Amino acid sequence: MKFTIDEFRAWKNKSITLLGMSGVGKTHLSMLLRANYWFHYSGDYRIGTRYLDEPIMDLIKQQAMQTPFLRELLRRDWIQIRNNIKVNDLGPVMSFVGKLGNPELGGVPLDEFSGRQALYRQAEIAAMQDVPVFIRKAHEIYGYDNFVNDVGGSLCELDEPSVFDLLVEHSLIRYIRVTEKAEEDALSSRAQSSPKPLYYRPDFLAEQLQQYLDLNSLEYAAQVDPDDFCRWVFPRLFHSRVPRYEAIARPHGYTVTSHEVAAVRDEQDFLSLLENAIARKADEPQE
């Protein structure tokens, strides 16, 4: 969706999609808006509770069945295991995605890892296809005027144009760009101190894995230290995603910086920042 400032101000039921790398403030903004009676749609929460719930539970039960005490309890239906994912704690989803590498170090073998990556991609596409339905539910069932779509950092990796077309049709795209070296360094530092599972495009993963193996004189993915690979690949993933975000935002959305987002304290700050982005876009030369 595209607007003039006056059109944006007059837009009664606002629907905003927040786009950007993990850690730039999407969920922080969404929680702030939620406190101001916006409907917060978390893509990763939808993925974990709807589209990956069964695979997550299967993986947990598979691990539990390796322990004789738990195996007997599960077989007799004496205990239940439940996926307790939260909007601000997506641990079960991240644990399912896993980290590529040596199983003895907590890694996931390459074939299984690739399969989980494919399932995550399918789930993220499905979760984004649900956005129009939840916009309607937010208004008609729950009585919310406004809607914020908090998407995962991997949205730009899906290579599924229909998803972007759908989001552009039903929401305003707001891209949060990292512009300062210090902010990029902060994201990288967090990835170094606490490496987490991530989604990679198959061709990107194949290319980067081979480079990592060659650099470390390794022959197989099963020899990879999973945390070390996550730390090593993150800066490369970050820089590979930037042009993909830009390719979505430039024709279809509005761009703000993570520095600007850090200054947002309330709903009015959020809306004012969007109006500034709309004004900047209007002043850009037409291509």
Protein backbone atom coordinates (compact mmCIF):
# COMPACT_ATOMS: atom_id res chain seq x y z
CA MET A 1 0.00 0.00 0.00
CA LYS A 2 1.12 3.55 -0.78
CA PHE A 3 -0.15 6.75 0.82
CA THR A 4 0.20 10.48 1.00
CA ILE A 5 0.51 11.80 4.55
CA ASP A 6 -3.11 12.95 4.52
CA GLU A 7 -4.29 9.57 3.25
CA PHE A 8 -2.26 7.81 5.93
CA ARG A 9 -3.72 9.98 8.69
CA ALA A 10 -7.24 9.31 7.40
CA TRP A 11 -6.64 5.54 7.18
CA LYS A 12 -8.98 4.28 9.88
CA ASN A 13 -7.88 0.66 10.15
CA LYS A 14 -4.11 0.69 9.74
CA SER A 15 -2.26 -2.53 8.84
CA ILE A 16 1.54 -2.30 9.05
CA THR A 17 4.11 -4.97 8.14
CA LEU A 18 7.48 -4.53 9.86
CA LEU A 19 10.38 -5.77 7.75
CA GLY A 20 14.02 -6.09 8.73
CA MET A 21 16.82 -8.16 10.20
CA SER A 22 16.32 -9.92 13.51
CA GLY A 23 17.28 -7.55 16.31
CA VAL A 24 16.42 -4.22 14.64
CA GLY A 25 13.36 -3.60 16.81
CA LYS A 26 10.38 -5.18 15.03
CA THR A 27 9.10 -7.09 18.04
CA HIS A 28 9.88 -4.17 20.39
CA LEU A 29 7.69 -1.90 18.26
CA SER A 30 4.99 -4.55 17.99
CA MET A 31 4.82 -4.99 21.76
CA LEU A 32 4.68 -1.22 22.21
CA LEU A 33 1.77 -1.00 19.76
CA ARG A 34 0.09 -3.98 21.39
CA ALA A 35 0.01 -1.98 24.62
CA ASN A 36 -1.85 0.70 22.64
CA TYR A 37 -4.55 -1.72 21.46
CA TRP A 38 -3.05 -2.80 18.15
CA PHE A 39 -3.48 -6.44 17.15
CA HIS A 40 0.02 -7.97 17.18
CA TYR A 41 0.42 -10.72 14.59
CA SER A 42 3.72 -12.52 15.12
CA GLY A 43 4.73 -14.56 12.09
CA ASP A 44 7.05 -16.80 14.11
CA TYR A 45 4.38 -17.38 16.77
CA ARG A 46 1.93 -18.44 14.05
CA ILE A 47 4.60 -20.71 12.58
CA GLY A 48 5.27 -22.38 15.91
CA THR A 49 1.67 -22.78 17.07
CA ARG A 50 0.05 -23.68 13.77
CA TYR A 51 2.38 -24.85 11.02
CA LEU A 52 5.33 -26.38 12.89
CA ASP A 53 3.58 -27.48 16.07
CA GLU A 54 3.38 -31.14 15.02
CA PRO A 55 6.97 -31.38 13.69
CA ILE A 56 8.21 -29.67 16.89
CA MET A 57 6.26 -32.09 19.06
CA ASP A 58 7.45 -35.08 17.01
CA LEU A 59 11.06 -34.00 17.51
CA ILE A 60 10.59 -33.55 21.27
CA LYS A 61 8.88 -36.95 21.61
CA GLN A 62 11.59 -38.59 19.52
CA GLN A 63 14.18 -37.29 21.96
CA ALA A 64 12.08 -38.25 24.99
CA MET A 65 11.60 -41.81 23.69
CA GLN A 66 15.36 -42.33 23.93
CA THR A 67 15.06 -42.15 27.73
CA PRO A 68 13.60 -45.42 29.08
CA PHE A 69 11.75 -43.75 31.97
CA LEU A 70 10.04 -41.19 29.70
CA ARG A 71 9.45 -43.76 26.94
CA GLU A 72 7.31 -45.88 29.22
CA LEU A 73 5.33 -42.91 30.47
CA LEU A 74 4.65 -41.68 26.93
CA ARG A 75 3.63 -45.10 25.63
CA ARG A 76 1.08 -45.47 28.43
CA ASP A 77 -0.23 -41.92 27.98
CA TRP A 78 0.68 -41.14 31.58
CA ILE A 79 2.30 -37.82 30.66
CA GLN A 80 1.71 -35.13 28.06
CA ILE A 81 4.25 -32.93 26.32
CA ARG A 82 3.12 -29.52 25.13
CA ASN A 83 4.67 -26.84 22.93
CA ASN A 84 4.65 -23.76 25.19
CA ILE A 85 5.76 -21.13 22.70
CA LYS A 86 5.26 -17.44 23.57
CA VAL A 87 5.20 -14.32 21.40
CA ASN A 88 8.32 -13.01 23.14
CA ASP A 89 9.96 -16.42 23.54
CA LEU A 90 10.15 -18.47 20.36
CA GLY A 91 12.46 -21.12 21.80
CA PRO A 92 10.60 -24.17 20.46
CA VAL A 93 10.77 -22.85 16.88
CA MET A 94 14.47 -22.03 17.16
CA SER A 95 15.20 -25.42 18.73
CA PHE A 96 13.42 -27.14 15.88
CA VAL A 97 15.33 -25.22 13.19
CA GLY A 98 18.56 -26.13 14.96
CA LYS A 99 22.18 -25.46 14.04
CA LEU A 100 24.04 -27.26 11.30
CA GLY A 101 26.98 -29.37 12.40
CA ASN A 102 28.43 -32.11 14.54
CA PRO A 103 25.63 -33.92 16.46
CA GLU A 104 28.03 -34.56 19.35
CA LEU A 105 28.25 -30.76 19.77
CA GLY A 106 24.52 -30.23 19.51
CA GLY A 107 24.46 -29.84 15.74
CA VAL A 108 22.01 -31.24 13.19
CA PRO A 109 23.20 -33.44 10.27
CA LEU A 110 23.06 -31.74 6.87
CA ASP A 111 20.20 -33.78 5.37
CA GLU A 112 18.00 -33.36 8.43
CA PHE A 113 18.92 -29.70 8.73
CA SER A 114 17.97 -29.09 5.10
CA GLY A 115 14.65 -30.82 5.67
CA ARG A 116 13.88 -28.65 8.69
CA GLN A 117 14.85 -25.54 6.73
CA ALA A 118 12.41 -26.50 3.98
CA LEU A 119 9.62 -27.05 6.52
CA TYR A 120 10.33 -23.67 8.09
CA ARG A 121 10.18 -21.95 4.69
CA GLN A 122 6.84 -23.57 3.90
CA ALA A 123 5.53 -22.59 7.34
CA GLU A 124 6.62 -18.97 6.96
CA ILE A 125 4.91 -18.71 3.57
CA ALA A 126 1.72 -20.17 5.04
CA ALA A 127 1.86 -17.82 8.03
CA MET A 128 2.18 -14.79 5.75
CA GLN A 129 -0.69 -16.03 3.58
CA ASP A 130 -2.82 -15.94 6.75
CA VAL A 131 -2.26 -12.20 7.26
CA PRO A 132 -5.41 -10.98 5.41
CA VAL A 133 -7.55 -13.42 7.42
CA PHE A 134 -6.10 -12.17 10.70
CA ILE A 135 -6.54 -8.54 9.68
CA ARG A 136 -10.24 -9.33 9.29
CA LYS A 137 -10.34 -11.28 12.55
CA ALA A 138 -8.61 -8.45 14.39
CA HIS A 139 -11.36 -6.02 13.32
CA GLU A 140 -14.47 -8.20 13.22
CA ILE A 141 -13.88 -10.63 16.10
CA TYR A 142 -11.49 -8.94 18.52
CA GLY A 143 -12.48 -5.32 17.91
CA TYR A 144 -9.02 -3.91 17.17
CA ASP A 145 -8.81 -0.91 14.87
CA ASN A 146 -5.16 -1.39 13.89
CA PHE A 147 -2.93 -4.35 13.01
CA VAL A 148 0.84 -4.84 13.06
CA ASN A 149 2.49 -7.77 11.27
CA ASP A 150 5.76 -8.68 13.00
CA VAL A 151 7.57 -10.82 10.43
CA GLY A 152 10.68 -12.93 10.81
CA GLY A 153 14.03 -11.69 9.57
CA SER A 154 14.06 -14.39 6.90
CA LEU A 155 11.02 -13.10 5.00
CA CYS A 156 13.29 -11.63 2.32
CA GLU A 157 14.80 -15.10 1.74
CA LEU A 158 11.60 -16.88 0.72
CA ASP A 159 11.83 -16.17 -3.03
CA GLU A 160 8.03 -16.32 -3.17
CA PRO A 161 6.75 -13.17 -4.96
CA SER A 162 3.12 -13.98 -4.20
CA VAL A 163 3.81 -13.50 -0.48
CA PHE A 164 5.18 -9.99 -1.03
CA ASP A 165 2.32 -9.14 -3.38
CA LEU A 166 -0.19 -10.23 -0.73
CA LEU A 167 1.47 -8.20 2.04
CA VAL A 168 1.73 -5.12 -0.19
CA GLU A 169 -1.96 -5.44 -1.08
CA HIS A 170 -3.12 -5.67 2.52
CA SER A 171 -0.59 -3.66 4.52
CA LEU A 172 1.89 -0.82 4.49
CA ILE A 173 5.47 -2.16 4.38
CA ARG A 174 7.83 -0.48 6.82
CA TYR A 175 11.46 -1.53 6.38
CA ILE A 176 13.85 -0.94 9.30
CA ARG A 177 17.29 -0.38 7.81
CA VAL A 178 20.55 -0.66 9.73
CA THR A 179 22.56 2.36 8.57
CA GLU A 180 25.27 2.86 11.19
CA LYS A 181 28.34 0.66 11.59
CA ALA A 182 27.89 0.65 15.36
CA GLU A 183 24.40 -0.84 14.99
CA GLU A 184 25.64 -3.50 12.59
CA ASP A 185 28.46 -4.29 15.02
CA ALA A 186 25.93 -4.60 17.86
CA LEU A 187 23.88 -7.14 15.88
CA SER A 188 27.03 -9.09 15.02
CA SER A 189 28.21 -8.94 18.62
CA ARG A 190 24.94 -10.41 19.81
CA ALA A 191 25.23 -13.17 17.22
CA GLN A 192 28.79 -13.86 18.40
CA SER A 193 27.90 -14.01 22.09
CA SER A 194 24.69 -15.99 21.64
CA PRO A 195 24.60 -17.75 18.26
CA LYS A 196 21.08 -18.81 17.37
CA PRO A 197 19.47 -20.97 14.68
CA LEU A 198 18.67 -19.16 11.45
CA TYR A 199 17.02 -19.82 8.11
CA TYR A 200 19.32 -19.85 5.05
CA ARG A 201 18.41 -19.97 1.39
CA PRO A 202 19.59 -23.36 0.03
CA ASP A 203 22.05 -21.86 -2.47
CA PHE A 204 23.45 -19.48 0.17
CA LEU A 205 23.88 -22.34 2.65
CA ALA A 206 25.63 -24.57 0.10
CA GLU A 207 28.03 -21.80 -0.91
CA GLN A 208 28.85 -20.67 2.63
CA LEU A 209 29.18 -24.19 4.00
CA GLN A 210 31.72 -25.07 1.33
CA GLN A 211 33.70 -21.92 2.08
CA TYR A 212 33.66 -22.74 5.80
CA LEU A 213 34.79 -26.33 5.18
CA ASP A 214 37.65 -25.16 2.94
CA LEU A 215 38.69 -22.45 5.40
CA ASN A 216 38.84 -24.91 8.29
CA SER A 217 40.25 -27.88 6.34
CA LEU A 218 37.14 -29.97 6.99
CA GLU A 219 35.60 -32.55 4.70
CA TYR A 220 32.03 -32.95 5.95
CA ALA A 221 29.26 -30.89 7.53
CA ALA A 222 29.24 -33.41 10.39
CA GLN A 223 32.65 -32.06 11.43
CA VAL A 224 31.41 -28.49 11.77
CA ASP A 225 31.22 -26.82 15.18
CA PRO A 226 27.57 -25.58 15.06
CA ASP A 227 28.08 -22.46 17.18
CA ASP A 228 31.27 -21.49 15.38
CA PHE A 229 29.54 -21.79 12.00
CA CYS A 230 26.63 -19.62 13.19
CA ARG A 231 29.08 -16.96 14.38
CA TRP A 232 31.10 -17.10 11.17
CA VAL A 233 28.15 -17.01 8.78
CA PHE A 234 26.10 -14.26 10.46
CA PRO A 235 27.92 -11.22 8.97
CA ARG A 236 27.71 -12.84 5.54
CA LEU A 237 24.02 -13.55 5.99
CA PHE A 238 23.42 -9.97 7.13
CA HIS A 239 25.07 -8.47 4.03
CA SER A 240 23.34 -10.93 1.70
CA ARG A 241 19.93 -9.96 3.09
CA VAL A 242 20.30 -6.18 2.83
CA PRO A 243 19.80 -5.94 -0.97
CA ARG A 244 16.85 -8.32 -0.68
CA TYR A 245 15.15 -6.10 1.90
CA GLU A 246 15.90 -3.07 -0.26
CA ALA A 247 14.41 -4.74 -3.33
CA ILE A 248 11.11 -5.17 -1.45
CA ALA A 249 11.05 -1.78 0.27
CA ARG A 250 12.18 0.41 -2.61
CA PRO A 251 9.16 -0.15 -4.88
CA HIS A 252 6.61 -1.22 -2.29
CA GLY A 253 7.33 0.28 1.11
CA TYR A 254 8.77 2.98 3.31
CA THR A 255 12.17 2.94 4.97
CA VAL A 256 13.17 4.06 8.45
CA THR A 257 16.46 3.47 10.24
CA SER A 258 17.07 1.38 13.32
CA HIS A 259 18.47 4.56 14.92
CA GLU A 260 15.11 6.28 14.37
CA VAL A 261 13.24 3.24 15.69
CA ALA A 262 15.32 3.29 18.88
CA ALA A 263 13.87 6.74 19.65
CA VAL A 264 10.24 5.58 19.42
CA ARG A 265 8.61 5.70 22.85
CA ASP A 266 4.88 5.49 22.13
CA GLU A 267 2.25 5.06 19.43
CA GLN A 268 2.43 8.71 18.38
CA ASP A 269 6.20 8.46 17.86
CA PHE A 270 5.60 5.38 15.72
CA LEU A 271 3.00 7.11 13.56
CA SER A 272 5.07 10.30 13.27
CA LEU A 273 8.07 8.29 12.12
CA LEU A 274 5.94 6.64 9.44
CA GLU A 275 4.67 10.01 8.28
CA ASN A 276 8.28 11.20 7.99
CA ALA A 277 9.10 8.11 5.92
CA ILE A 278 6.13 8.80 3.64
CA ALA A 279 7.29 12.39 3.19
CA ARG A 280 10.83 11.26 2.37
CA LYS A 281 9.50 8.83 -0.19
CA ALA A 282 7.44 11.56 -1.84
CA ASP A 283 10.57 13.71 -2.18
CA GLU A 284 12.60 10.96 -3.86
CA PRO A 285 13.06 11.26 -7.64
CA GLN A 286 10.76 8.94 -9.55
CA GLU A 287 12.54 6.09 -11.34
